[in-house]
PDB file of N, CA and C in Angstrom:
ATOM      1  N   UNK A   1       0.842  -1.189   0.000  1.00  0.00           N
ATOM      2  CA  UNK A   1       0.000   0.000   0.000  1.00  0.00           C
ATOM      3  C   UNK A   1       0.877   1.238   0.000  1.00  0.00           C
ATOM      4  N   UNK A   2       0.503   2.175  -0.804  1.00  0.00           N
ATOM      5  CA  UNK A   2       1.290   3.397  -0.875  1.00  0.00           C
ATOM      6  C   UNK A   2       0.565   4.550  -0.180  1.00  0.00           C
ATOM      7  N   UNK A   3       1.329   5.577   0.095  1.00  0.00           N
ATOM      8  CA  UNK A   3       0.794   6.740   0.819  1.00  0.00           C
ATOM      9  C   UNK A   3      -0.264   7.460  -0.002  1.00  0.00           C
ATOM     10  N   UNK A   4      -0.056   7.567  -1.320  1.00  0.00           N
ATOM     11  CA  UNK A   4      -0.975   8.326  -2.167  1.00  0.00           C
ATOM     12  C   UNK A   4      -2.340   7.648  -2.221  1.00  0.00           C
ATOM     13  N   UNK A   5      -2.371   6.320  -2.240  1.00  0.00           N
ATOM     14  CA  UNK A   5      -3.640   5.603  -2.281  1.00  0.00           C
ATOM     15  C   UNK A   5      -4.455   5.766  -1.019  1.00  0.00           C
ATOM     16  N   UNK A   6      -3.801   6.061   0.084  1.00  0.00           N
ATOM     17  CA  UNK A   6      -4.491   6.220   1.367  1.00  0.00           C
ATOM     18  C   UNK A   6      -4.533   7.677   1.816  1.00  0.00           C
ATOM     19  N   UNK A   7      -4.373   8.612   0.892  1.00  0.00           N
ATOM     20  CA  UNK A   7      -4.293  10.032   1.228  1.00  0.00           C
ATOM     21  C   UNK A   7      -5.543  10.508   1.959  1.00  0.00           C
ATOM     22  N   UNK A   8      -6.722  10.089   1.508  1.00  0.00           N
ATOM     23  CA  UNK A   8      -7.964  10.520   2.163  1.00  0.00           C
ATOM     24  C   UNK A   8      -8.018  10.071   3.613  1.00  0.00           C
ATOM     25  N   UNK A   9      -7.540   8.857   3.875  1.00  0.00           N
ATOM     26  CA  UNK A   9      -7.581   8.354   5.244  1.00  0.00           C
ATOM     27  C   UNK A   9      -6.588   9.100   6.136  1.00  0.00           C
ATOM     28  N   UNK A  10      -5.457   9.504   5.570  1.00  0.00           N
ATOM     29  CA  UNK A  10      -4.504  10.315   6.344  1.00  0.00           C
ATOM     30  C   UNK A  10      -5.127  11.667   6.695  1.00  0.00           C
ATOM     31  N   UNK A  11      -5.808  12.266   5.737  1.00  0.00           N
ATOM     32  CA  UNK A  11      -6.487  13.552   5.996  1.00  0.00           C
ATOM     33  C   UNK A  11      -7.541  13.372   7.089  1.00  0.00           C
ATOM     34  N   UNK A  12      -8.304  12.286   7.020  1.00  0.00           N
ATOM     35  CA  UNK A  12      -9.327  12.013   8.033  1.00  0.00           C
ATOM     36  C   UNK A  12      -8.689  11.885   9.408  1.00  0.00           C
ATOM     37  N   UNK A  13      -7.598  11.130   9.498  1.00  0.00           N
ATOM     38  CA  UNK A  13      -6.941  10.943  10.802  1.00  0.00           C
ATOM     39  C   UNK A  13      -6.396  12.257  11.348  1.00  0.00           C
ATOM     40  N   UNK A  14      -5.784  13.071  10.493  1.00  0.00           N
ATOM     41  CA  UNK A  14      -5.224  14.347  10.946  1.00  0.00           C
ATOM     42  C   UNK A  14      -6.338  15.278  11.422  1.00  0.00           C
ATOM     43  N   UNK A  15      -7.407  15.411  10.644  1.00  0.00           N
ATOM     44  CA  UNK A  15      -8.527  16.268  11.059  1.00  0.00           C
ATOM     45  C   UNK A  15      -9.174  15.766  12.345  1.00  0.00           C
ATOM     46  N   UNK A  16      -9.302  14.450  12.464  1.00  0.00           N
ATOM     47  CA  UNK A  16      -9.911  13.871  13.659  1.00  0.00           C
ATOM     48  C   UNK A  16      -9.070  14.165  14.901  1.00  0.00           C
ATOM     49  N   UNK A  17      -7.774  14.012  14.787  1.00  0.00           N
ATOM     50  CA  UNK A  17      -6.904  14.243  15.942  1.00  0.00           C
ATOM     51  C   UNK A  17      -6.817  15.732  16.291  1.00  0.00           C
ATOM     52  N   UNK A  18      -6.839  16.599  15.293  1.00  0.00           N
ATOM     53  CA  UNK A  18      -6.843  18.037  15.565  1.00  0.00           C
ATOM     54  C   UNK A  18      -8.124  18.425  16.296  1.00  0.00           C
ATOM     55  N   UNK A  19      -9.275  17.932  15.811  1.00  0.00           N
ATOM     56  CA  UNK A  19     -10.545  18.226  16.479  1.00  0.00           C
ATOM     57  C   UNK A  19     -10.585  17.677  17.891  1.00  0.00           C
ATOM     58  N   UNK A  20     -10.081  16.461  18.076  1.00  0.00           N
ATOM     59  CA  UNK A  20     -10.051  15.852  19.414  1.00  0.00           C
ATOM     60  C   UNK A  20      -9.148  16.639  20.355  1.00  0.00           C
ATOM     61  N   UNK A  21      -7.999  17.080  19.853  1.00  0.00           N
ATOM     62  CA  UNK A  21      -7.075  17.875  20.672  1.00  0.00           C
ATOM     63  C   UNK A  21      -7.717  19.200  21.083  1.00  0.00           C
ATOM     64  N   UNK A  22      -8.407  19.844  20.162  1.00  0.00           N
ATOM     65  CA  UNK A  22      -9.054  21.124  20.475  1.00  0.00           C
ATOM     66  C   UNK A  22     -10.098  20.931  21.575  1.00  0.00           C
ATOM     67  N   UNK A  23     -10.871  19.857  21.490  1.00  0.00           N
ATOM     68  CA  UNK A  23     -11.909  19.604  22.503  1.00  0.00           C
ATOM     69  C   UNK A  23     -11.286  19.386  23.877  1.00  0.00           C
ATOM     70  N   UNK A  24     -10.180  18.649  23.927  1.00  0.00           N
ATOM     71  CA  UNK A  24      -9.562  18.337  25.216  1.00  0.00           C
ATOM     72  C   UNK A  24      -8.745  19.501  25.757  1.00  0.00           C
ATOM     73  N   UNK A  25      -7.991  20.186  24.914  1.00  0.00           N
ATOM     74  CA  UNK A  25      -7.007  21.162  25.379  1.00  0.00           C
ATOM     75  C   UNK A  25      -7.584  22.550  25.644  1.00  0.00           C
ATOM     76  N   UNK A  26      -8.674  22.906  25.009  1.00  0.00           N
ATOM     77  CA  UNK A  26      -9.193  24.263  25.123  1.00  0.00           C
ATOM     78  C   UNK A  26     -10.236  24.355  26.229  1.00  0.00           C
ATOM     79  N   UNK A  27     -10.255  25.486  26.916  1.00  0.00           N
ATOM     80  CA  UNK A  27     -11.252  25.738  27.947  1.00  0.00           C
ATOM     81  C   UNK A  27     -12.386  26.607  27.463  1.00  0.00           C
ATOM     82  N   UNK A  28     -12.207  27.235  26.308  1.00  0.00           N
ATOM     83  CA  UNK A  28     -13.213  28.109  25.738  1.00  0.00           C
ATOM     84  C   UNK A  28     -14.306  27.251  25.098  1.00  0.00           C
ATOM     85  N   UNK A  29     -15.557  27.514  25.433  1.00  0.00           N
ATOM     86  CA  UNK A  29     -16.656  26.678  24.955  1.00  0.00           C
ATOM     87  C   UNK A  29     -16.861  26.790  23.444  1.00  0.00           C
ATOM     88  N   UNK A  30     -16.643  27.962  22.872  1.00  0.00           N
ATOM     89  CA  UNK A  30     -16.790  28.119  21.423  1.00  0.00           C
ATOM     90  C   UNK A  30     -15.699  27.331  20.703  1.00  0.00           C
ATOM     91  N   UNK A  31     -14.485  27.351  21.235  1.00  0.00           N
ATOM     92  CA  UNK A  31     -13.407  26.574  20.623  1.00  0.00           C
ATOM     93  C   UNK A  31     -13.695  25.083  20.724  1.00  0.00           C
ATOM     94  N   UNK A  32     -14.310  24.653  21.808  1.00  0.00           N
ATOM     95  CA  UNK A  32     -14.694  23.247  21.934  1.00  0.00           C
ATOM     96  C   UNK A  32     -15.717  22.871  20.867  1.00  0.00           C
ATOM     97  N   UNK A  33     -16.673  23.752  20.602  1.00  0.00           N
ATOM     98  CA  UNK A  33     -17.651  23.484  19.544  1.00  0.00           C
ATOM     99  C   UNK A  33     -16.991  23.425  18.174  1.00  0.00           C
ATOM    100  N   UNK A  34     -16.006  24.276  17.940  1.00  0.00           N
ATOM    101  CA  UNK A  34     -15.268  24.228  16.671  1.00  0.00           C
ATOM    102  C   UNK A  34     -14.523  22.899  16.553  1.00  0.00           C
ATOM    103  N   UNK A  35     -13.932  22.439  17.641  1.00  0.00           N
ATOM    104  CA  UNK A  35     -13.242  21.152  17.638  1.00  0.00           C
ATOM    105  C   UNK A  35     -14.198  19.999  17.360  1.00  0.00           C
ATOM    106  N   UNK A  36     -15.369  20.022  17.964  1.00  0.00           N
ATOM    107  CA  UNK A  36     -16.363  18.987  17.706  1.00  0.00           C
ATOM    108  C   UNK A  36     -16.823  19.003  16.253  1.00  0.00           C
ATOM    109  N   UNK A  37     -16.982  20.186  15.691  1.00  0.00           N
ATOM    110  CA  UNK A  37     -17.390  20.300  14.294  1.00  0.00           C
ATOM    111  C   UNK A  37     -16.298  19.775  13.367  1.00  0.00           C
ATOM    112  N   UNK A  38     -15.051  20.054  13.682  1.00  0.00           N
ATOM    113  CA  UNK A  38     -13.937  19.542  12.884  1.00  0.00           C
ATOM    114  C   UNK A  38     -13.877  18.014  12.964  1.00  0.00           C
ATOM    115  N   UNK A  39     -14.057  17.463  14.148  1.00  0.00           N
ATOM    116  CA  UNK A  39     -14.090  16.017  14.329  1.00  0.00           C
ATOM    117  C   UNK A  39     -15.227  15.408  13.507  1.00  0.00           C
ATOM    118  N   UNK A  40     -16.380  16.032  13.559  1.00  0.00           N
ATOM    119  CA  UNK A  40     -17.549  15.558  12.829  1.00  0.00           C
ATOM    120  C   UNK A  40     -17.302  15.599  11.321  1.00  0.00           C
ATOM    121  N   UNK A  41     -16.669  16.644  10.845  1.00  0.00           N
ATOM    122  CA  UNK A  41     -16.364  16.771   9.426  1.00  0.00           C
ATOM    123  C   UNK A  41     -15.414  15.669   8.969  1.00  0.00           C
ATOM    124  N   UNK A  42     -14.464  15.295   9.815  1.00  0.00           N
ATOM    125  CA  UNK A  42     -13.547  14.219   9.444  1.00  0.00           C
ATOM    126  C   UNK A  42     -14.302  12.891   9.299  1.00  0.00           C
ATOM    127  N   UNK A  43     -15.307  12.666  10.126  1.00  0.00           N
ATOM    128  CA  UNK A  43     -16.113  11.450  10.001  1.00  0.00           C
ATOM    129  C   UNK A  43     -16.908  11.479   8.701  1.00  0.00           C
ATOM    130  N   UNK A  44     -17.428  12.638   8.331  1.00  0.00           N
ATOM    131  CA  UNK A  44     -18.139  12.766   7.059  1.00  0.00           C
ATOM    132  C   UNK A  44     -17.222  12.409   5.892  1.00  0.00           C
ATOM    133  N   UNK A  45     -16.015  12.939   5.907  1.00  0.00           N
ATOM    134  CA  UNK A  45     -15.067  12.659   4.832  1.00  0.00           C
ATOM    135  C   UNK A  45     -14.751  11.169   4.774  1.00  0.00           C
ATOM    136  N   UNK A  46     -14.624  10.532   5.933  1.00  0.00           N
ATOM    137  CA  UNK A  46     -14.326   9.099   5.954  1.00  0.00           C
ATOM    138  C   UNK A  46     -15.454   8.294   5.312  1.00  0.00           C
ATOM    139  N   UNK A  47     -16.700   8.586   5.662  1.00  0.00           N
ATOM    140  CA  UNK A  47     -17.813   7.840   5.086  1.00  0.00           C
ATOM    141  C   UNK A  47     -17.952   8.089   3.586  1.00  0.00           C
ATOM    142  N   UNK A  48     -17.762   9.315   3.148  1.00  0.00           N
ATOM    143  CA  UNK A  48     -17.849   9.608   1.721  1.00  0.00           C
ATOM    144  C   UNK A  48     -16.736   8.894   0.964  1.00  0.00           C
ATOM    145  N   UNK A  49     -15.539   8.848   1.532  1.00  0.00           N
ATOM    146  CA  UNK A  49     -14.427   8.148   0.905  1.00  0.00           C
ATOM    147  C   UNK A  49     -14.716   6.654   0.800  1.00  0.00           C
ATOM    148  N   UNK A  50     -15.306   6.075   1.838  1.00  0.00           N
ATOM    149  CA  UNK A  50     -15.600   4.648   1.814  1.00  0.00           C
ATOM    150  C   UNK A  50     -16.713   4.312   0.826  1.00  0.00           C
ATOM    151  N   UNK A  51     -17.549   5.266   0.486  1.00  0.00           N
ATOM    152  CA  UNK A  51     -18.645   5.025  -0.442  1.00  0.00           C
ATOM    153  C   UNK A  51     -18.229   5.010  -1.898  1.00  0.00           C
ATOM    154  N   UNK A  52     -17.010   5.419  -2.200  1.00  0.00           N
ATOM    155  CA  UNK A  52     -16.524   5.461  -3.580  1.00  0.00           C
ATOM    156  C   UNK A  52     -15.919   4.120  -3.964  1.00  0.00           C
ATOM    157  N   UNK A  53     -16.315   3.601  -5.129  1.00  0.00           N
ATOM    158  CA  UNK A  53     -15.762   2.361  -5.658  1.00  0.00           C
ATOM    159  C   UNK A  53     -15.013   2.698  -6.939  1.00  0.00           C
ATOM    160  N   UNK A  54     -13.780   2.248  -7.028  1.00  0.00           N
ATOM    161  CA  UNK A  54     -12.937   2.529  -8.194  1.00  0.00           C
ATOM    162  C   UNK A  54     -13.541   1.889  -9.445  1.00  0.00           C
ATOM    163  N   UNK A  55     -13.763   2.694 -10.465  1.00  0.00           N
ATOM    164  CA  UNK A  55     -14.283   2.200 -11.744  1.00  0.00           C
ATOM    165  C   UNK A  55     -15.787   2.044 -11.792  1.00  0.00           C
ATOM    166  N   UNK A  56     -16.487   2.411 -10.731  1.00  0.00           N
ATOM    167  CA  UNK A  56     -17.942   2.263 -10.701  1.00  0.00           C
ATOM    168  C   UNK A  56     -18.606   3.548 -11.190  1.00  0.00           C
ATOM    169  N   UNK A  57     -19.840   3.405 -11.628  1.00  0.00           N
ATOM    170  CA  UNK A  57     -20.598   4.561 -12.102  1.00  0.00           C
ATOM    171  C   UNK A  57     -21.750   4.835 -11.141  1.00  0.00           C
ATOM    172  N   UNK A  58     -22.476   5.902 -11.421  1.00  0.00           N
ATOM    173  CA  UNK A  58     -23.659   6.235 -10.621  1.00  0.00           C
ATOM    174  C   UNK A  58     -24.702   5.132 -10.807  1.00  0.00           C
ATOM    175  N   UNK A  59     -25.558   4.911  -9.826  1.00  0.00           N
ATOM    176  CA  UNK A  59     -26.527   3.813  -9.921  1.00  0.00           C
ATOM    177  C   UNK A  59     -27.692   4.116 -10.869  1.00  0.00           C
ATOM    178  N   UNK A  60     -27.347   4.351 -12.105  1.00  0.00           N
ATOM    179  CA  UNK A  60     -28.334   4.569 -13.164  1.00  0.00           C
ATOM    180  C   UNK A  60     -28.151   3.427 -14.156  1.00  0.00           C
ATOM    181  N   UNK A  61     -29.213   2.714 -14.460  1.00  0.00           N
ATOM    182  CA  UNK A  61     -29.105   1.544 -15.323  1.00  0.00           C
ATOM    183  C   UNK A  61     -28.735   1.955 -16.747  1.00  0.00           C
ATOM    184  N   UNK A  62     -27.541   1.538 -17.140  1.00  0.00           N
ATOM    185  CA  UNK A  62     -27.019   1.822 -18.474  1.00  0.00           C
ATOM    186  C   UNK A  62     -26.465   0.514 -19.022  1.00  0.00           C
ATOM    187  N   UNK A  63     -26.686   0.275 -20.299  1.00  0.00           N
ATOM    188  CA  UNK A  63     -26.153  -0.951 -20.905  1.00  0.00           C
ATOM    189  C   UNK A  63     -24.635  -0.929 -20.909  1.00  0.00           C
ATOM    190  N   UNK A  64     -24.057  -2.070 -20.598  1.00  0.00           N
ATOM    191  CA  UNK A  64     -22.607  -2.191 -20.617  1.00  0.00           C
ATOM    192  C   UNK A  64     -21.934  -1.898 -19.280  1.00  0.00           C
ATOM    193  N   UNK A  65     -22.660  -1.361 -18.344  1.00  0.00           N
ATOM    194  CA  UNK A  65     -22.096  -1.069 -17.026  1.00  0.00           C
ATOM    195  C   UNK A  65     -22.537  -2.148 -16.045  1.00  0.00           C
ATOM    196  N   UNK A  66     -21.588  -2.702 -15.323  1.00  0.00           N
ATOM    197  CA  UNK A  66     -21.917  -3.774 -14.384  1.00  0.00           C
ATOM    198  C   UNK A  66     -21.616  -3.392 -12.937  1.00  0.00           C
ATOM    199  N   UNK A  67     -20.805  -2.354 -12.742  1.00  0.00           N
ATOM    200  CA  UNK A  67     -20.386  -1.984 -11.390  1.00  0.00           C
ATOM    201  C   UNK A  67     -20.933  -0.601 -11.047  1.00  0.00           C
ATOM    202  N   UNK A  68     -21.705  -0.546  -9.974  1.00  0.00           N
ATOM    203  CA  UNK A  68     -22.327   0.703  -9.549  1.00  0.00           C
ATOM    204  C   UNK A  68     -21.889   1.055  -8.134  1.00  0.00           C
ATOM    205  N   UNK A  69     -21.781   2.358  -7.864  1.00  0.00           N
ATOM    206  CA  UNK A  69     -21.483   2.826  -6.512  1.00  0.00           C
ATOM    207  C   UNK A  69     -22.772   2.884  -5.699  1.00  0.00           C
ATOM    208  N   UNK A  70     -22.659   2.596  -4.426  1.00  0.00           N
ATOM    209  CA  UNK A  70     -23.805   2.638  -3.538  1.00  0.00           C
ATOM    210  C   UNK A  70     -24.038   4.088  -3.092  1.00  0.00           C
ATOM    211  N   UNK A  71     -25.224   4.654  -3.334  1.00  0.00           N
ATOM    212  CA  UNK A  71     -25.472   6.042  -2.938  1.00  0.00           C
ATOM    213  C   UNK A  71     -25.845   6.196  -1.464  1.00  0.00           C
ATOM    214  N   UNK A  72     -26.049   5.100  -0.752  1.00  0.00           N
ATOM    215  CA  UNK A  72     -26.506   5.174   0.638  1.00  0.00           C
ATOM    216  C   UNK A  72     -25.564   5.955   1.558  1.00  0.00           C
ATOM    217  N   UNK A  73     -24.224   5.761   1.507  1.00  0.00           N
ATOM    218  CA  UNK A  73     -23.360   6.565   2.390  1.00  0.00           C
ATOM    219  C   UNK A  73     -23.496   8.066   2.157  1.00  0.00           C
ATOM    220  N   UNK A  74     -23.660   8.466   0.907  1.00  0.00           N
ATOM    221  CA  UNK A  74     -23.792   9.892   0.613  1.00  0.00           C
ATOM    222  C   UNK A  74     -25.105  10.455   1.146  1.00  0.00           C
ATOM    223  N   UNK A  75     -26.171   9.679   1.036  1.00  0.00           N
ATOM    224  CA  UNK A  75     -27.467  10.116   1.553  1.00  0.00           C
ATOM    225  C   UNK A  75     -27.425  10.229   3.074  1.00  0.00           C
ATOM    226  N   UNK A  76     -26.797   9.259   3.716  1.00  0.00           N
ATOM    227  CA  UNK A  76     -26.687   9.299   5.172  1.00  0.00           C
ATOM    228  C   UNK A  76     -25.855  10.497   5.639  1.00  0.00           C
ATOM    229  N   UNK A  77     -24.829  10.824   4.891  1.00  0.00           N
ATOM    230  CA  UNK A  77     -23.994  11.977   5.251  1.00  0.00           C
ATOM    231  C   UNK A  77     -24.768  13.279   5.073  1.00  0.00           C
ATOM    232  N   UNK A  78     -25.592  13.368   4.040  1.00  0.00           N
ATOM    233  CA  UNK A  78     -26.419  14.580   3.899  1.00  0.00           C
ATOM    234  C   UNK A  78     -27.312  14.758   5.121  1.00  0.00           C
ATOM    235  N   UNK A  79     -27.911  13.679   5.594  1.00  0.00           N
ATOM    236  CA  UNK A  79     -28.735  13.749   6.800  1.00  0.00           C
ATOM    237  C   UNK A  79     -27.886  14.127   8.017  1.00  0.00           C
ATOM    238  N   UNK A  80     -26.700  13.546   8.120  1.00  0.00           N
ATOM    239  CA  UNK A  80     -25.816  13.838   9.249  1.00  0.00           C
ATOM    240  C   UNK A  80     -25.355  15.295   9.237  1.00  0.00           C
ATOM    241  N   UNK A  81     -25.155  15.850   8.061  1.00  0.00           N
ATOM    242  CA  UNK A  81     -24.759  17.263   7.970  1.00  0.00           C
ATOM    243  C   UNK A  81     -25.861  18.155   8.521  1.00  0.00           C
ATOM    244  N   UNK A  82     -27.101  17.866   8.163  1.00  0.00           N
ATOM    245  CA  UNK A  82     -28.232  18.666   8.665  1.00  0.00           C
ATOM    246  C   UNK A  82     -28.339  18.545  10.186  1.00  0.00           C
ATOM    247  N   UNK A  83     -28.216  17.325  10.696  1.00  0.00           N
ATOM    248  CA  UNK A  83     -28.273  17.124  12.142  1.00  0.00           C
ATOM    249  C   UNK A  83     -27.094  17.812  12.825  1.00  0.00           C
ATOM    250  N   UNK A  84     -25.915  17.760  12.207  1.00  0.00           N
ATOM    251  CA  UNK A  84     -24.730  18.417  12.768  1.00  0.00           C
ATOM    252  C   UNK A  84     -24.877  19.927  12.842  1.00  0.00           C
ATOM    253  N   UNK A  85     -25.456  20.515  11.823  1.00  0.00           N
ATOM    254  CA  UNK A  85     -25.671  21.968  11.838  1.00  0.00           C
ATOM    255  C   UNK A  85     -26.659  22.346  12.935  1.00  0.00           C
ATOM    256  N   UNK A  86     -27.718  21.562  13.069  1.00  0.00           N
ATOM    257  CA  UNK A  86     -28.701  21.844  14.128  1.00  0.00           C
ATOM    258  C   UNK A  86     -28.074  21.685  15.514  1.00  0.00           C
ATOM    259  N   UNK A  87     -27.244  20.659  15.684  1.00  0.00           N
ATOM    260  CA  UNK A  87     -26.588  20.445  16.975  1.00  0.00           C
ATOM    261  C   UNK A  87     -25.608  21.564  17.285  1.00  0.00           C
ATOM    262  N   UNK A  88     -24.871  22.015  16.289  1.00  0.00           N
ATOM    263  CA  UNK A  88     -23.937  23.126  16.490  1.00  0.00           C
ATOM    264  C   UNK A  88     -24.681  24.415  16.839  1.00  0.00           C
ATOM    265  N   UNK A  89     -25.801  24.652  16.171  1.00  0.00           N
ATOM    266  CA  UNK A  89     -26.603  25.838  16.481  1.00  0.00           C
ATOM    267  C   UNK A  89     -27.133  25.781  17.913  1.00  0.00           C
ATOM    268  N   UNK A  90     -27.575  24.597  18.342  1.00  0.00           N
ATOM    269  CA  UNK A  90     -28.040  24.439  19.717  1.00  0.00           C
ATOM    270  C   UNK A  90     -26.890  24.667  20.701  1.00  0.00           C
ATOM    271  N   UNK A  91     -25.718  24.135  20.384  1.00  0.00           N
ATOM    272  CA  UNK A  91     -24.555  24.347  21.248  1.00  0.00           C
ATOM    273  C   UNK A  91     -24.190  25.816  21.357  1.00  0.00           C
ATOM    274  N   UNK A  92     -24.223  26.524  20.245  1.00  0.00           N
ATOM    275  CA  UNK A  92     -23.923  27.962  20.285  1.00  0.00           C
ATOM    276  C   UNK A  92     -24.976  28.727  21.083  1.00  0.00           C
ATOM    277  N   UNK A  93     -26.241  28.312  20.965  1.00  0.00           N
ATOM    278  CA  UNK A  93     -27.294  28.960  21.759  1.00  0.00           C
ATOM    279  C   UNK A  93     -27.059  28.718  23.255  1.00  0.00           C
ATOM    280  N   UNK A  94     -26.633  27.515  23.605  1.00  0.00           N
ATOM    281  CA  UNK A  94     -26.321  27.233  25.006  1.00  0.00           C
ATOM    282  C   UNK A  94     -25.129  28.045  25.499  1.00  0.00           C
ATOM    283  N   UNK A  95     -24.135  28.246  24.636  1.00  0.00           N
ATOM    284  CA  UNK A  95     -22.984  29.068  25.009  1.00  0.00           C
ATOM    285  C   UNK A  95     -23.429  30.505  25.266  1.00  0.00           C
ATOM    286  N   UNK A  96     -24.340  31.007  24.452  1.00  0.00           N
ATOM    287  CA  UNK A  96     -24.857  32.366  24.667  1.00  0.00           C
ATOM    288  C   UNK A  96     -25.568  32.455  26.017  1.00  0.00           C
ATOM    289  N   UNK A  97     -26.372  31.453  26.355  1.00  0.00           N
ATOM    290  CA  UNK A  97     -27.067  31.464  27.648  1.00  0.00           C
ATOM    291  C   UNK A  97     -26.088  31.344  28.818  1.00  0.00           C
ATOM    292  N   UNK A  98     -25.046  30.534  28.643  1.00  0.00           N
ATOM    293  CA  UNK A  98     -24.019  30.420  29.686  1.00  0.00           C
ATOM    294  C   UNK A  98     -23.293  31.741  29.850  1.00  0.00           C
ATOM    295  N   UNK A  99     -23.011  32.421  28.752  1.00  0.00           N
ATOM    296  CA  UNK A  99     -22.343  33.730  28.813  1.00  0.00           C
ATOM    297  C   UNK A  99     -23.214  34.740  29.562  1.00  0.00           C
ATOM    298  N   UNK A 100     -24.527  34.700  29.328  1.00  0.00           N
ATOM    299  CA  UNK A 100     -25.437  35.607  30.041  1.00  0.00           C
ATOM    300  C   UNK A 100     -25.484  35.294  31.537  1.00  0.00           C
ATOM    301  N   UNK A 101     -25.423  34.035  31.887  1.00  0.00           N
ATOM    302  CA  UNK A 101     -25.535  33.635  33.296  1.00  0.00           C
ATOM    303  C   UNK A 101     -24.241  33.811  34.069  1.00  0.00           C
ATOM    304  N   UNK A 102     -23.108  33.470  33.462  1.00  0.00           N
ATOM    305  CA  UNK A 102     -21.829  33.457  34.169  1.00  0.00           C
ATOM    306  C   UNK A 102     -20.869  34.568  33.740  1.00  0.00           C
ATOM    307  N   UNK A 103     -21.210  35.339  32.735  1.00  0.00           N
ATOM    308  CA  UNK A 103     -20.353  36.404  32.192  1.00  0.00           C
ATOM    309  C   UNK A 103     -19.007  35.871  31.698  1.00  0.00           C
ATOM    310  N   UNK A 104     -18.982  34.625  31.266  1.00  0.00           N
ATOM    311  CA  UNK A 104     -17.753  34.030  30.764  1.00  0.00           C
ATOM    312  C   UNK A 104     -18.093  32.791  29.948  1.00  0.00           C
ATOM    313  N   UNK A 105     -17.205  32.459  29.004  1.00  0.00           N
ATOM    314  CA  UNK A 105     -17.345  31.208  28.276  1.00  0.00           C
ATOM    315  C   UNK A 105     -16.119  30.319  28.491  1.00  0.00           C
ATOM    316  N   UNK A 106     -15.305  30.679  29.465  1.00  0.00           N
ATOM    317  CA  UNK A 106     -14.145  29.862  29.833  1.00  0.00           C
ATOM    318  C   UNK A 106     -14.576  28.835  30.871  1.00  0.00           C
ATOM    319  N   UNK A 107     -14.228  27.595  30.630  1.00  0.00           N
ATOM    320  CA  UNK A 107     -14.678  26.496  31.476  1.00  0.00           C
ATOM    321  C   UNK A 107     -14.203  26.633  32.926  1.00  0.00           C
ATOM    322  N   UNK A 108     -12.971  27.061  33.139  1.00  0.00           N
ATOM    323  CA  UNK A 108     -12.437  27.203  34.498  1.00  0.00           C
ATOM    324  C   UNK A 108     -13.181  28.276  35.291  1.00  0.00           C
ATOM    325  N   UNK A 109     -13.452  29.399  34.655  1.00  0.00           N
ATOM    326  CA  UNK A 109     -14.158  30.478  35.341  1.00  0.00           C
ATOM    327  C   UNK A 109     -15.610  30.068  35.670  1.00  0.00           C
ATOM    328  N   UNK A 110     -16.238  29.344  34.777  1.00  0.00           N
ATOM    329  CA  UNK A 110     -17.613  28.892  35.012  1.00  0.00           C
ATOM    330  C   UNK A 110     -17.637  27.927  36.191  1.00  0.00           C
ATOM    331  N   UNK A 111     -16.679  26.992  36.242  1.00  0.00           N
ATOM    332  CA  UNK A 111     -16.612  26.054  37.380  1.00  0.00           C
ATOM    333  C   UNK A 111     -16.338  26.781  38.691  1.00  0.00           C
ATOM    334  N   UNK A 112     -15.442  27.770  38.647  1.00  0.00           N
ATOM    335  CA  UNK A 112     -15.117  28.528  39.861  1.00  0.00           C
ATOM    336  C   UNK A 112     -16.336  29.292  40.350  1.00  0.00           C
ATOM    337  N   UNK A 113     -17.050  29.975  39.457  1.00  0.00           N
ATOM    338  CA  UNK A 113     -18.245  30.733  39.842  1.00  0.00           C
ATOM    339  C   UNK A 113     -19.358  29.803  40.311  1.00  0.00           C
ATOM    340  N   UNK A 114     -19.432  28.622  39.740  1.00  0.00           N
ATOM    341  CA  UNK A 114     -20.450  27.665  40.149  1.00  0.00           C
ATOM    342  C   UNK A 114     -20.150  27.114  41.543  1.00  0.00           C
ATOM    343  N   UNK A 115     -18.886  26.956  41.891  1.00  0.00           N
ATOM    344  CA  UNK A 115     -18.507  26.468  43.214  1.00  0.00           C
ATOM    345  C   UNK A 115     -18.745  27.512  44.295  1.00  0.00           C
ATOM    346  N   UNK A 116     -18.649  28.809  43.920  1.00  0.00           N
ATOM    347  CA  UNK A 116     -18.865  29.883  44.875  1.00  0.00           C
ATOM    348  C   UNK A 116     -20.329  29.970  45.302  1.00  0.00           C
ATOM    349  N   UNK A 117     -21.239  29.628  44.421  1.00  0.00           N
ATOM    350  CA  UNK A 117     -22.679  29.765  44.732  1.00  0.00           C
ATOM    351  C   UNK A 117     -23.195  28.720  45.651  1.00  0.00           C
TER     352      UNK A 117
END
């Protein structure tokens, strides 16, 4: 196996680890949401990459074609993208409410203020 043939999987792994690192290392809630979105995007890329078959065509019946790509992974990813956008919007709305309540979006300051009450 060569590096070029697995390029998409390397990109997926790098994006996944960057998103995971951002979620763990950052205390800012907005940065954590960005990390989660990056992680989610890497999963989308992985599923789309796995749905591609070398030498296959779209699943439209044409004479002479015997190998077709399965459209199901792409359809599932479209649904996941919509759910991901809604989840990110909900997360941002929660961050706004936390900012109104605690006057901060830093995790350490929120925990400290919560312990004081």
